[in-house]
Amino acid sequence: MANVQRGVSVYRIASLLCLIWFRSLYRIRVEGEMPASGGVIICPNHQSLFDPPLLAAITRKNRQLYFMGKAELFQWKLFGAIWRSFGAFPVQRGRGGGSAMNEALSLLKEGKAVGVFPQGTRVKRGERGSVKTGAVRLSVDGNVPIVPVSIKTSYRFFSSIVIRFGKPYYPNPLETPRRNANVLMNKIQRMLE
């Protein structure tokens, strides 16, 4: 299993610093909220490396988020330590993500909030990108809800950032993972409009 930092002290400090950074440079508006307790999968669109620290900063009062991140982000010790301080753990993309999926299920069973980017990579603003099935498989396997999240921004300094948390929902276990993943992405796309 991946080495996930479960202590909150480093996370609280890092997310506070990010909150100060983002509030100083952007106009942030948050609509909705994520559940305050219980295992949950947070599924935002993904357009920038700023997305995980932004979400960590704006949700820091409620609870810690644990993000899956591409393994390449953890190759260099300094960057790996930074990402781990945000509760991130590596996933081997294109290989089914076995150990990362097990780590995510373990966190969900502990009642944690796990962040999964359903597109699996950054996608340019306004584009949909392809959607992966990992988040909906985790939801069905862990019997936990998904919260679709939209992040609408250009990340240009002093511009606005609008973050919308959708209503938690459970994918239909009778549908295929691909169909459920498309339903999830459609929810996020509608929130971006």
N, C-alpha and C. Protein backbone atom coordinates (compact mmCIF):
# COMPACT_ATOMS: atom_id res chain seq x y z
N MET A 1 0.83 -1.20 0.00
CA MET A 1 0.00 0.00 0.00
C MET A 1 0.87 1.25 0.00
N ALA A 2 0.33 2.30 -0.52
CA ALA A 2 1.04 3.58 -0.57
C ALA A 2 1.20 4.14 0.84
N ASN A 3 2.21 4.97 0.99
CA ASN A 3 2.47 5.58 2.28
C ASN A 3 1.70 6.90 2.35
N VAL A 4 0.50 6.86 2.90
CA VAL A 4 -0.35 8.05 2.97
C VAL A 4 -0.21 8.66 4.36
N GLN A 5 0.09 9.96 4.39
CA GLN A 5 0.16 10.64 5.67
C GLN A 5 -1.25 10.86 6.19
N ARG A 6 -1.52 10.31 7.37
CA ARG A 6 -2.84 10.46 7.94
C ARG A 6 -2.86 11.50 9.06
N GLY A 7 -1.69 12.02 9.42
CA GLY A 7 -1.64 13.09 10.42
C GLY A 7 -2.15 14.39 9.84
N VAL A 8 -2.80 15.18 10.66
CA VAL A 8 -3.41 16.39 10.14
C VAL A 8 -2.56 17.64 10.34
N SER A 9 -1.52 17.61 11.16
CA SER A 9 -0.80 18.83 11.48
C SER A 9 -0.11 19.45 10.25
N VAL A 10 0.65 18.67 9.50
CA VAL A 10 1.31 19.19 8.31
C VAL A 10 0.26 19.64 7.30
N TYR A 11 -0.78 18.84 7.15
CA TYR A 11 -1.87 19.18 6.22
C TYR A 11 -2.51 20.50 6.61
N ARG A 12 -2.79 20.69 7.88
CA ARG A 12 -3.45 21.92 8.34
C ARG A 12 -2.58 23.14 8.04
N ILE A 13 -1.29 23.02 8.29
CA ILE A 13 -0.38 24.14 8.03
C ILE A 13 -0.28 24.41 6.52
N ALA A 14 -0.06 23.35 5.74
CA ALA A 14 0.08 23.51 4.29
C ALA A 14 -1.21 24.07 3.68
N SER A 15 -2.36 23.56 4.12
CA SER A 15 -3.62 24.05 3.55
C SER A 15 -3.91 25.49 3.99
N LEU A 16 -3.48 25.87 5.19
CA LEU A 16 -3.63 27.27 5.63
C LEU A 16 -2.79 28.19 4.76
N LEU A 17 -1.55 27.80 4.49
CA LEU A 17 -0.69 28.61 3.63
C LEU A 17 -1.30 28.74 2.23
N CYS A 18 -1.87 27.65 1.73
CA CYS A 18 -2.53 27.71 0.42
C CYS A 18 -3.76 28.60 0.46
N LEU A 19 -4.51 28.54 1.55
CA LEU A 19 -5.69 29.38 1.69
C LEU A 19 -5.29 30.86 1.63
N ILE A 20 -4.24 31.22 2.36
CA ILE A 20 -3.75 32.61 2.34
C ILE A 20 -3.34 32.99 0.92
N TRP A 21 -2.60 32.11 0.25
CA TRP A 21 -2.16 32.35 -1.13
C TRP A 21 -3.36 32.58 -2.05
N PHE A 22 -4.30 31.65 -2.05
CA PHE A 22 -5.44 31.76 -2.97
C PHE A 22 -6.32 32.96 -2.65
N ARG A 23 -6.59 33.21 -1.38
CA ARG A 23 -7.45 34.35 -1.02
C ARG A 23 -6.77 35.68 -1.33
N SER A 24 -5.43 35.69 -1.34
CA SER A 24 -4.70 36.93 -1.66
C SER A 24 -4.71 37.23 -3.16
N LEU A 25 -4.75 36.21 -3.97
CA LEU A 25 -4.57 36.39 -5.41
C LEU A 25 -5.82 36.17 -6.26
N TYR A 26 -6.89 35.65 -5.64
CA TYR A 26 -8.10 35.34 -6.42
C TYR A 26 -9.35 35.72 -5.63
N ARG A 27 -10.42 35.93 -6.36
CA ARG A 27 -11.74 36.12 -5.74
C ARG A 27 -12.42 34.75 -5.77
N ILE A 28 -12.58 34.16 -4.60
CA ILE A 28 -13.09 32.79 -4.52
C ILE A 28 -14.53 32.79 -4.04
N ARG A 29 -15.36 32.03 -4.76
CA ARG A 29 -16.74 31.82 -4.34
C ARG A 29 -17.00 30.32 -4.31
N VAL A 30 -17.55 29.86 -3.20
CA VAL A 30 -17.84 28.45 -3.02
C VAL A 30 -19.35 28.28 -2.90
N GLU A 31 -19.90 27.37 -3.68
CA GLU A 31 -21.32 27.06 -3.63
C GLU A 31 -21.48 25.60 -3.22
N GLY A 32 -22.38 25.35 -2.28
CA GLY A 32 -22.57 23.99 -1.77
C GLY A 32 -21.47 23.62 -0.81
N GLU A 33 -21.48 22.38 -0.39
CA GLU A 33 -20.45 21.91 0.55
C GLU A 33 -20.32 20.41 0.45
N MET A 34 -19.18 19.93 0.94
CA MET A 34 -19.01 18.48 0.95
C MET A 34 -19.48 17.95 2.30
N PRO A 35 -19.87 16.67 2.36
CA PRO A 35 -20.32 16.11 3.63
C PRO A 35 -19.23 16.25 4.71
N ALA A 36 -19.64 16.54 5.92
CA ALA A 36 -18.70 16.78 7.01
C ALA A 36 -18.13 15.49 7.60
N SER A 37 -18.74 14.36 7.32
CA SER A 37 -18.24 13.11 7.88
C SER A 37 -18.60 11.94 6.96
N GLY A 38 -17.98 10.81 7.24
CA GLY A 38 -18.24 9.60 6.46
C GLY A 38 -17.39 9.53 5.21
N GLY A 39 -17.16 8.32 4.75
CA GLY A 39 -16.41 8.12 3.52
C GLY A 39 -17.12 8.76 2.35
N VAL A 40 -16.38 9.48 1.53
CA VAL A 40 -16.96 10.17 0.38
C VAL A 40 -15.88 10.38 -0.67
N ILE A 41 -16.28 10.34 -1.94
CA ILE A 41 -15.36 10.58 -3.04
C ILE A 41 -15.69 11.95 -3.63
N ILE A 42 -14.71 12.83 -3.62
CA ILE A 42 -14.84 14.17 -4.17
C ILE A 42 -14.29 14.12 -5.59
N CYS A 43 -15.12 14.46 -6.58
CA CYS A 43 -14.73 14.33 -7.99
C CYS A 43 -14.81 15.66 -8.72
N PRO A 44 -13.71 16.41 -8.76
CA PRO A 44 -13.70 17.68 -9.51
C PRO A 44 -13.17 17.51 -10.93
N ASN A 45 -13.53 18.47 -11.78
CA ASN A 45 -12.84 18.57 -13.06
C ASN A 45 -11.40 18.98 -12.75
N HIS A 46 -10.51 18.78 -13.72
CA HIS A 46 -9.08 18.98 -13.44
C HIS A 46 -8.44 19.73 -14.60
N GLN A 47 -8.05 21.00 -14.33
CA GLN A 47 -7.40 21.77 -15.38
C GLN A 47 -6.02 22.28 -14.98
N SER A 48 -5.64 22.15 -13.70
CA SER A 48 -4.37 22.73 -13.27
C SER A 48 -3.81 21.96 -12.07
N LEU A 49 -2.49 22.06 -11.92
CA LEU A 49 -1.86 21.51 -10.72
C LEU A 49 -2.30 22.27 -9.46
N PHE A 50 -2.90 23.44 -9.64
CA PHE A 50 -3.42 24.19 -8.50
C PHE A 50 -4.70 23.58 -7.92
N ASP A 51 -5.37 22.70 -8.66
CA ASP A 51 -6.66 22.17 -8.21
C ASP A 51 -6.60 21.47 -6.84
N PRO A 52 -5.67 20.51 -6.63
CA PRO A 52 -5.64 19.86 -5.31
C PRO A 52 -5.36 20.82 -4.15
N PRO A 53 -4.34 21.70 -4.24
CA PRO A 53 -4.13 22.61 -3.12
C PRO A 53 -5.30 23.58 -2.90
N LEU A 54 -5.95 23.99 -4.00
CA LEU A 54 -7.12 24.86 -3.87
C LEU A 54 -8.22 24.16 -3.08
N LEU A 55 -8.53 22.94 -3.45
CA LEU A 55 -9.58 22.20 -2.74
C LEU A 55 -9.18 21.91 -1.29
N ALA A 56 -7.91 21.60 -1.06
CA ALA A 56 -7.45 21.40 0.31
C ALA A 56 -7.64 22.67 1.13
N ALA A 57 -7.34 23.81 0.52
CA ALA A 57 -7.46 25.09 1.23
C ALA A 57 -8.90 25.43 1.57
N ILE A 58 -9.82 25.26 0.62
CA ILE A 58 -11.18 25.70 0.88
C ILE A 58 -12.00 24.71 1.71
N THR A 59 -11.52 23.48 1.83
CA THR A 59 -12.25 22.49 2.64
C THR A 59 -11.57 22.23 3.98
N ARG A 60 -10.50 22.93 4.28
CA ARG A 60 -9.66 22.63 5.44
C ARG A 60 -10.40 22.71 6.77
N LYS A 61 -11.43 23.54 6.87
CA LYS A 61 -12.17 23.64 8.13
C LYS A 61 -13.02 22.41 8.38
N ASN A 62 -13.52 21.80 7.29
CA ASN A 62 -14.41 20.66 7.42
C ASN A 62 -13.67 19.35 7.63
N ARG A 63 -12.71 19.06 6.77
CA ARG A 63 -12.00 17.78 6.85
C ARG A 63 -10.86 17.74 5.86
N GLN A 64 -9.99 16.77 6.03
CA GLN A 64 -8.85 16.59 5.14
C GLN A 64 -9.28 15.79 3.91
N LEU A 65 -8.72 16.17 2.77
CA LEU A 65 -8.90 15.42 1.53
C LEU A 65 -7.65 14.61 1.25
N TYR A 66 -7.83 13.41 0.75
CA TYR A 66 -6.73 12.55 0.32
C TYR A 66 -6.87 12.36 -1.18
N PHE A 67 -5.88 12.82 -1.94
CA PHE A 67 -5.95 12.78 -3.40
C PHE A 67 -5.09 11.69 -4.00
N MET A 68 -5.63 11.05 -5.04
CA MET A 68 -4.80 10.22 -5.91
C MET A 68 -4.04 11.18 -6.82
N GLY A 69 -2.77 10.90 -7.05
CA GLY A 69 -1.99 11.72 -7.97
C GLY A 69 -1.12 10.83 -8.84
N LYS A 70 -0.86 11.27 -10.04
CA LYS A 70 -0.04 10.44 -10.93
C LYS A 70 1.32 10.18 -10.30
N ALA A 71 1.81 8.97 -10.47
CA ALA A 71 3.05 8.53 -9.83
C ALA A 71 4.23 9.44 -10.16
N GLU A 72 4.22 10.04 -11.34
CA GLU A 72 5.33 10.90 -11.75
C GLU A 72 5.52 12.08 -10.81
N LEU A 73 4.44 12.52 -10.14
CA LEU A 73 4.54 13.64 -9.20
C LEU A 73 5.35 13.28 -7.96
N PHE A 74 5.51 12.01 -7.71
CA PHE A 74 6.18 11.56 -6.49
C PHE A 74 7.62 11.10 -6.74
N GLN A 75 8.10 11.19 -7.98
CA GLN A 75 9.43 10.70 -8.32
C GLN A 75 10.55 11.49 -7.64
N TRP A 76 10.39 12.81 -7.54
CA TRP A 76 11.40 13.64 -6.90
C TRP A 76 11.04 13.79 -5.43
N LYS A 77 12.01 13.58 -4.57
CA LYS A 77 11.75 13.53 -3.13
C LYS A 77 11.05 14.79 -2.61
N LEU A 78 11.52 15.97 -3.02
CA LEU A 78 10.94 17.20 -2.52
C LEU A 78 9.47 17.31 -2.92
N PHE A 79 9.19 17.11 -4.21
CA PHE A 79 7.81 17.22 -4.67
C PHE A 79 6.94 16.11 -4.09
N GLY A 80 7.51 14.92 -3.97
CA GLY A 80 6.77 13.82 -3.36
C GLY A 80 6.38 14.14 -1.93
N ALA A 81 7.32 14.76 -1.19
CA ALA A 81 7.03 15.14 0.20
C ALA A 81 5.95 16.22 0.25
N ILE A 82 6.00 17.16 -0.69
CA ILE A 82 4.98 18.21 -0.72
C ILE A 82 3.61 17.61 -0.99
N TRP A 83 3.52 16.75 -2.02
CA TRP A 83 2.22 16.14 -2.34
C TRP A 83 1.72 15.27 -1.20
N ARG A 84 2.63 14.53 -0.56
CA ARG A 84 2.21 13.68 0.57
C ARG A 84 1.72 14.54 1.74
N SER A 85 2.29 15.74 1.90
CA SER A 85 1.83 16.62 2.98
C SER A 85 0.38 17.01 2.78
N PHE A 86 -0.09 16.94 1.53
CA PHE A 86 -1.49 17.20 1.23
C PHE A 86 -2.32 15.93 1.26
N GLY A 87 -1.74 14.84 1.76
CA GLY A 87 -2.49 13.60 1.85
C GLY A 87 -2.61 12.88 0.52
N ALA A 88 -1.77 13.24 -0.45
CA ALA A 88 -1.83 12.59 -1.76
C ALA A 88 -1.09 11.27 -1.74
N PHE A 89 -1.50 10.37 -2.62
CA PHE A 89 -0.82 9.10 -2.78
C PHE A 89 -0.78 8.76 -4.27
N PRO A 90 0.30 8.05 -4.69
CA PRO A 90 0.51 7.84 -6.13
C PRO A 90 -0.38 6.76 -6.73
N VAL A 91 -0.73 6.98 -8.00
CA VAL A 91 -1.45 5.98 -8.79
C VAL A 91 -0.67 5.78 -10.09
N GLN A 92 -0.49 4.53 -10.46
CA GLN A 92 0.16 4.19 -11.72
C GLN A 92 -0.90 4.24 -12.81
N ARG A 93 -0.90 5.30 -13.58
CA ARG A 93 -1.93 5.46 -14.62
C ARG A 93 -1.73 4.44 -15.73
N GLY A 94 -2.85 3.98 -16.27
CA GLY A 94 -2.81 3.03 -17.36
C GLY A 94 -2.61 1.59 -16.94
N ARG A 95 -2.52 1.35 -15.62
CA ARG A 95 -2.31 -0.01 -15.13
C ARG A 95 -3.42 -0.46 -14.20
N GLY A 96 -4.51 0.24 -14.20
CA GLY A 96 -5.63 -0.14 -13.35
C GLY A 96 -5.56 0.43 -11.95
N GLY A 97 -4.40 0.94 -11.55
CA GLY A 97 -4.26 1.60 -10.26
C GLY A 97 -4.50 0.71 -9.05
N GLY A 98 -4.14 -0.57 -9.13
CA GLY A 98 -4.44 -1.54 -8.08
C GLY A 98 -4.12 -1.11 -6.66
N SER A 99 -2.85 -0.77 -6.36
CA SER A 99 -2.49 -0.41 -4.99
C SER A 99 -3.13 0.92 -4.58
N ALA A 100 -3.25 1.85 -5.53
CA ALA A 100 -3.90 3.13 -5.21
C ALA A 100 -5.38 2.93 -4.94
N MET A 101 -6.01 2.05 -5.69
CA MET A 101 -7.43 1.75 -5.46
C MET A 101 -7.61 1.11 -4.08
N ASN A 102 -6.70 0.21 -3.71
CA ASN A 102 -6.77 -0.41 -2.38
C ASN A 102 -6.57 0.63 -1.28
N GLU A 103 -5.62 1.54 -1.49
CA GLU A 103 -5.38 2.61 -0.51
C GLU A 103 -6.61 3.50 -0.39
N ALA A 104 -7.21 3.85 -1.53
CA ALA A 104 -8.41 4.69 -1.51
C ALA A 104 -9.55 3.98 -0.78
N LEU A 105 -9.75 2.70 -1.06
CA LEU A 105 -10.82 1.95 -0.36
C LEU A 105 -10.57 1.91 1.14
N SER A 106 -9.32 1.74 1.53
CA SER A 106 -8.97 1.73 2.95
C SER A 106 -9.31 3.08 3.61
N LEU A 107 -8.96 4.17 2.94
CA LEU A 107 -9.27 5.50 3.45
C LEU A 107 -10.79 5.71 3.56
N LEU A 108 -11.51 5.28 2.53
CA LEU A 108 -12.97 5.43 2.53
C LEU A 108 -13.60 4.64 3.67
N LYS A 109 -13.09 3.44 3.94
CA LYS A 109 -13.61 2.63 5.05
C LYS A 109 -13.32 3.28 6.40
N GLU A 110 -12.27 4.10 6.46
CA GLU A 110 -11.95 4.85 7.67
C GLU A 110 -12.80 6.11 7.80
N GLY A 111 -13.67 6.34 6.81
CA GLY A 111 -14.53 7.52 6.84
C GLY A 111 -13.89 8.78 6.30
N LYS A 112 -12.83 8.62 5.51
CA LYS A 112 -12.11 9.77 4.96
C LYS A 112 -12.73 10.23 3.63
N ALA A 113 -12.33 11.44 3.23
CA ALA A 113 -12.74 12.01 1.95
C ALA A 113 -11.58 11.83 0.96
N VAL A 114 -11.86 11.15 -0.14
CA VAL A 114 -10.84 10.87 -1.15
C VAL A 114 -11.16 11.66 -2.41
N GLY A 115 -10.17 12.38 -2.91
CA GLY A 115 -10.33 13.15 -4.14
C GLY A 115 -9.84 12.36 -5.34
N VAL A 116 -10.70 12.25 -6.34
CA VAL A 116 -10.35 11.54 -7.58
C VAL A 116 -10.76 12.43 -8.75
N PHE A 117 -9.82 12.70 -9.63
CA PHE A 117 -10.14 13.46 -10.84
C PHE A 117 -10.65 12.46 -11.88
N PRO A 118 -11.94 12.50 -12.20
CA PRO A 118 -12.50 11.46 -13.08
C PRO A 118 -11.90 11.44 -14.48
N GLN A 119 -11.29 12.53 -14.91
CA GLN A 119 -10.65 12.55 -16.23
C GLN A 119 -9.26 11.92 -16.19
N GLY A 120 -8.71 11.75 -14.99
CA GLY A 120 -7.43 11.09 -14.85
C GLY A 120 -6.23 11.93 -15.22
N THR A 121 -6.45 13.12 -15.71
CA THR A 121 -5.37 14.02 -16.11
C THR A 121 -5.94 15.43 -16.25
N ARG A 122 -5.05 16.40 -16.42
CA ARG A 122 -5.53 17.77 -16.62
C ARG A 122 -6.14 17.89 -18.01
N VAL A 123 -7.22 18.65 -18.09
CA VAL A 123 -7.93 18.88 -19.35
C VAL A 123 -8.11 20.39 -19.50
N LYS A 124 -7.87 20.90 -20.71
CA LYS A 124 -8.01 22.33 -20.94
C LYS A 124 -9.42 22.81 -20.64
N ARG A 125 -9.48 24.03 -20.16
CA ARG A 125 -10.76 24.66 -19.86
C ARG A 125 -11.69 24.61 -21.07
N GLY A 126 -12.92 24.21 -20.84
CA GLY A 126 -13.90 24.14 -21.90
C GLY A 126 -13.94 22.80 -22.63
N GLU A 127 -12.95 21.95 -22.39
CA GLU A 127 -12.93 20.62 -23.01
C GLU A 127 -13.40 19.59 -22.00
N ARG A 128 -13.98 18.52 -22.49
CA ARG A 128 -14.48 17.47 -21.61
C ARG A 128 -13.40 16.45 -21.28
N GLY A 129 -12.64 16.05 -22.25
CA GLY A 129 -11.65 15.01 -22.04
C GLY A 129 -12.33 13.65 -21.88
N SER A 130 -11.53 12.61 -21.87
CA SER A 130 -12.10 11.28 -21.64
C SER A 130 -12.25 11.07 -20.14
N VAL A 131 -13.19 10.22 -19.78
CA VAL A 131 -13.46 9.98 -18.37
C VAL A 131 -13.06 8.55 -18.02
N LYS A 132 -12.47 8.38 -16.85
CA LYS A 132 -12.05 7.07 -16.36
C LYS A 132 -13.12 6.52 -15.42
N THR A 133 -13.05 5.25 -15.10
CA THR A 133 -14.09 4.60 -14.30
C THR A 133 -13.70 4.42 -12.83
N GLY A 134 -12.50 4.81 -12.45
CA GLY A 134 -12.02 4.55 -11.09
C GLY A 134 -12.91 5.09 -9.99
N ALA A 135 -13.37 6.31 -10.13
CA ALA A 135 -14.18 6.93 -9.06
C ALA A 135 -15.49 6.18 -8.85
N VAL A 136 -16.15 5.82 -9.94
CA VAL A 136 -17.44 5.12 -9.77
C VAL A 136 -17.22 3.70 -9.26
N ARG A 137 -16.12 3.06 -9.67
CA ARG A 137 -15.82 1.72 -9.13
C ARG A 137 -15.55 1.80 -7.63
N LEU A 138 -14.81 2.83 -7.20
CA LEU A 138 -14.57 3.01 -5.76
C LEU A 138 -15.87 3.24 -5.01
N SER A 139 -16.75 4.03 -5.58
CA SER A 139 -18.03 4.33 -4.94
C SER A 139 -18.85 3.05 -4.75
N VAL A 140 -18.96 2.26 -5.81
CA VAL A 140 -19.74 1.02 -5.74
C VAL A 140 -19.07 0.03 -4.79
N ASP A 141 -17.75 -0.17 -4.92
CA ASP A 141 -17.04 -1.13 -4.07
C ASP A 141 -17.04 -0.72 -2.61
N GLY A 142 -16.93 0.58 -2.35
CA GLY A 142 -16.87 1.07 -0.97
C GLY A 142 -18.21 1.46 -0.39
N ASN A 143 -19.25 1.43 -1.25
CA ASN A 143 -20.59 1.85 -0.83
C ASN A 143 -20.57 3.25 -0.19
N VAL A 144 -19.92 4.17 -0.90
CA VAL A 144 -19.83 5.56 -0.45
C VAL A 144 -20.30 6.47 -1.57
N PRO A 145 -20.81 7.65 -1.22
CA PRO A 145 -21.30 8.56 -2.26
C PRO A 145 -20.17 9.30 -2.97
N ILE A 146 -20.53 9.80 -4.14
CA ILE A 146 -19.67 10.68 -4.92
C ILE A 146 -20.24 12.09 -4.83
N VAL A 147 -19.36 13.07 -4.67
CA VAL A 147 -19.76 14.47 -4.74
C VAL A 147 -19.11 15.07 -5.98
N PRO A 148 -19.90 15.37 -7.02
CA PRO A 148 -19.32 16.03 -8.18
C PRO A 148 -18.96 17.47 -7.81
N VAL A 149 -17.82 17.93 -8.31
CA VAL A 149 -17.34 19.28 -8.01
C VAL A 149 -16.88 19.93 -9.30
N SER A 150 -17.23 21.19 -9.47
CA SER A 150 -16.72 21.95 -10.61
C SER A 150 -15.83 23.07 -10.12
N ILE A 151 -14.72 23.24 -10.80
CA ILE A 151 -13.81 24.36 -10.54
C ILE A 151 -13.78 25.18 -11.83
N LYS A 152 -14.29 26.40 -11.74
CA LYS A 152 -14.36 27.25 -12.92
C LYS A 152 -13.44 28.45 -12.70
N THR A 153 -12.34 28.49 -13.46
CA THR A 153 -11.37 29.56 -13.31
C THR A 153 -10.38 29.54 -14.47
N SER A 154 -9.70 30.64 -14.64
CA SER A 154 -8.58 30.70 -15.58
C SER A 154 -7.25 30.62 -14.81
N TYR A 155 -7.32 30.78 -13.49
CA TYR A 155 -6.16 30.85 -12.61
C TYR A 155 -5.26 32.04 -12.96
N ARG A 156 -5.79 33.03 -13.67
CA ARG A 156 -5.04 34.26 -13.86
C ARG A 156 -5.13 35.07 -12.57
N PHE A 157 -4.02 35.65 -12.16
CA PHE A 157 -4.02 36.41 -10.91
C PHE A 157 -5.15 37.43 -10.87
N PHE A 158 -5.79 37.53 -9.73
CA PHE A 158 -6.87 38.46 -9.42
C PHE A 158 -8.17 38.16 -10.18
N SER A 159 -8.23 36.99 -10.82
CA SER A 159 -9.47 36.58 -11.47
C SER A 159 -10.34 35.85 -10.44
N SER A 160 -11.51 35.42 -10.87
CA SER A 160 -12.40 34.73 -9.94
C SER A 160 -12.25 33.22 -10.08
N ILE A 161 -12.54 32.54 -8.99
CA ILE A 161 -12.60 31.09 -8.94
C ILE A 161 -13.95 30.74 -8.35
N VAL A 162 -14.73 29.95 -9.09
CA VAL A 162 -16.02 29.49 -8.59
C VAL A 162 -15.94 27.98 -8.43
N ILE A 163 -16.16 27.52 -7.20
CA ILE A 163 -16.14 26.09 -6.88
C ILE A 163 -17.55 25.70 -6.47
N ARG A 164 -18.09 24.70 -7.17
CA ARG A 164 -19.44 24.23 -6.86
C ARG A 164 -19.38 22.77 -6.41
N PHE A 165 -19.94 22.52 -5.24
CA PHE A 165 -20.08 21.16 -4.76
C PHE A 165 -21.49 20.70 -5.08
N GLY A 166 -21.62 19.62 -5.84
CA GLY A 166 -22.93 19.06 -6.15
C GLY A 166 -23.45 18.23 -5.00
N LYS A 167 -24.63 17.69 -5.18
CA LYS A 167 -25.23 16.84 -4.16
C LYS A 167 -24.60 15.45 -4.22
N PRO A 168 -24.33 14.87 -3.05
CA PRO A 168 -23.79 13.50 -3.03
C PRO A 168 -24.78 12.53 -3.67
N TYR A 169 -24.26 11.58 -4.40
CA TYR A 169 -25.11 10.56 -5.02
C TYR A 169 -24.35 9.25 -5.11
N TYR A 170 -25.09 8.16 -5.27
CA TYR A 170 -24.52 6.83 -5.45
C TYR A 170 -24.72 6.41 -6.90
N PRO A 171 -23.66 5.95 -7.58
CA PRO A 171 -23.84 5.45 -8.94
C PRO A 171 -24.75 4.22 -8.93
N ASN A 172 -25.41 4.00 -10.03
CA ASN A 172 -26.30 2.85 -10.17
C ASN A 172 -25.46 1.58 -10.31
N PRO A 173 -25.51 0.66 -9.33
CA PRO A 173 -24.68 -0.54 -9.40
C PRO A 173 -25.08 -1.49 -10.53
N LEU A 174 -26.26 -1.29 -11.11
CA LEU A 174 -26.72 -2.14 -12.21
C LEU A 174 -26.22 -1.66 -13.57
N GLU A 175 -25.70 -0.43 -13.61
CA GLU A 175 -25.15 0.12 -14.85
C GLU A 175 -23.67 -0.26 -14.97
N THR A 176 -23.14 -0.14 -16.17
CA THR A 176 -21.71 -0.41 -16.37
C THR A 176 -20.90 0.73 -15.76
N PRO A 177 -19.65 0.45 -15.36
CA PRO A 177 -18.79 1.53 -14.86
C PRO A 177 -18.64 2.66 -15.87
N ARG A 178 -18.55 2.33 -17.16
CA ARG A 178 -18.40 3.36 -18.19
C ARG A 178 -19.61 4.28 -18.21
N ARG A 179 -20.81 3.71 -18.17
CA ARG A 179 -22.05 4.51 -18.16
C ARG A 179 -22.09 5.39 -16.92
N ASN A 180 -21.77 4.82 -15.75
CA ASN A 180 -21.77 5.61 -14.51
C ASN A 180 -20.73 6.72 -14.56
N ALA A 181 -19.57 6.46 -15.16
CA ALA A 181 -18.53 7.50 -15.28
C ALA A 181 -19.02 8.64 -16.17
N ASN A 182 -19.72 8.30 -17.24
CA ASN A 182 -20.27 9.35 -18.11
C ASN A 182 -21.35 10.17 -17.40
N VAL A 183 -22.17 9.52 -16.58
CA VAL A 183 -23.18 10.24 -15.79
C VAL A 183 -22.48 11.24 -14.87
N LEU A 184 -21.41 10.79 -14.19
CA LEU A 184 -20.64 11.66 -13.31
C LEU A 184 -20.08 12.85 -14.07
N MET A 185 -19.46 12.60 -15.21
CA MET A 185 -18.85 13.69 -15.97
C MET A 185 -19.91 14.66 -16.48
N ASN A 186 -21.08 14.14 -16.85
CA ASN A 186 -22.18 15.01 -17.28
C ASN A 186 -22.62 15.93 -16.15
N LYS A 187 -22.66 15.42 -14.93
CA LYS A 187 -23.03 16.25 -13.77
C LYS A 187 -22.02 17.38 -13.60
N ILE A 188 -20.74 17.05 -13.70
CA ILE A 188 -19.69 18.07 -13.55
C ILE A 188 -19.79 19.09 -14.67
N GLN A 189 -19.99 18.64 -15.90
CA GLN A 189 -20.09 19.54 -17.05
C GLN A 189 -21.25 20.51 -16.88
N ARG A 190 -22.40 20.02 -16.41
CA ARG A 190 -23.55 20.92 -16.19
C ARG A 190 -23.22 21.95 -15.13
N MET A 191 -22.47 21.59 -14.12
CA MET A 191 -22.11 22.54 -13.05
C MET A 191 -21.16 23.61 -13.56
N LEU A 192 -20.40 23.31 -14.61
CA LEU A 192 -19.46 24.27 -15.18
C LEU A 192 -20.14 25.32 -16.06
N GLU A 193 -21.38 25.06 -16.47
CA GLU A 193 -22.09 25.99 -17.36
C GLU A 193 -22.55 27.22 -16.63
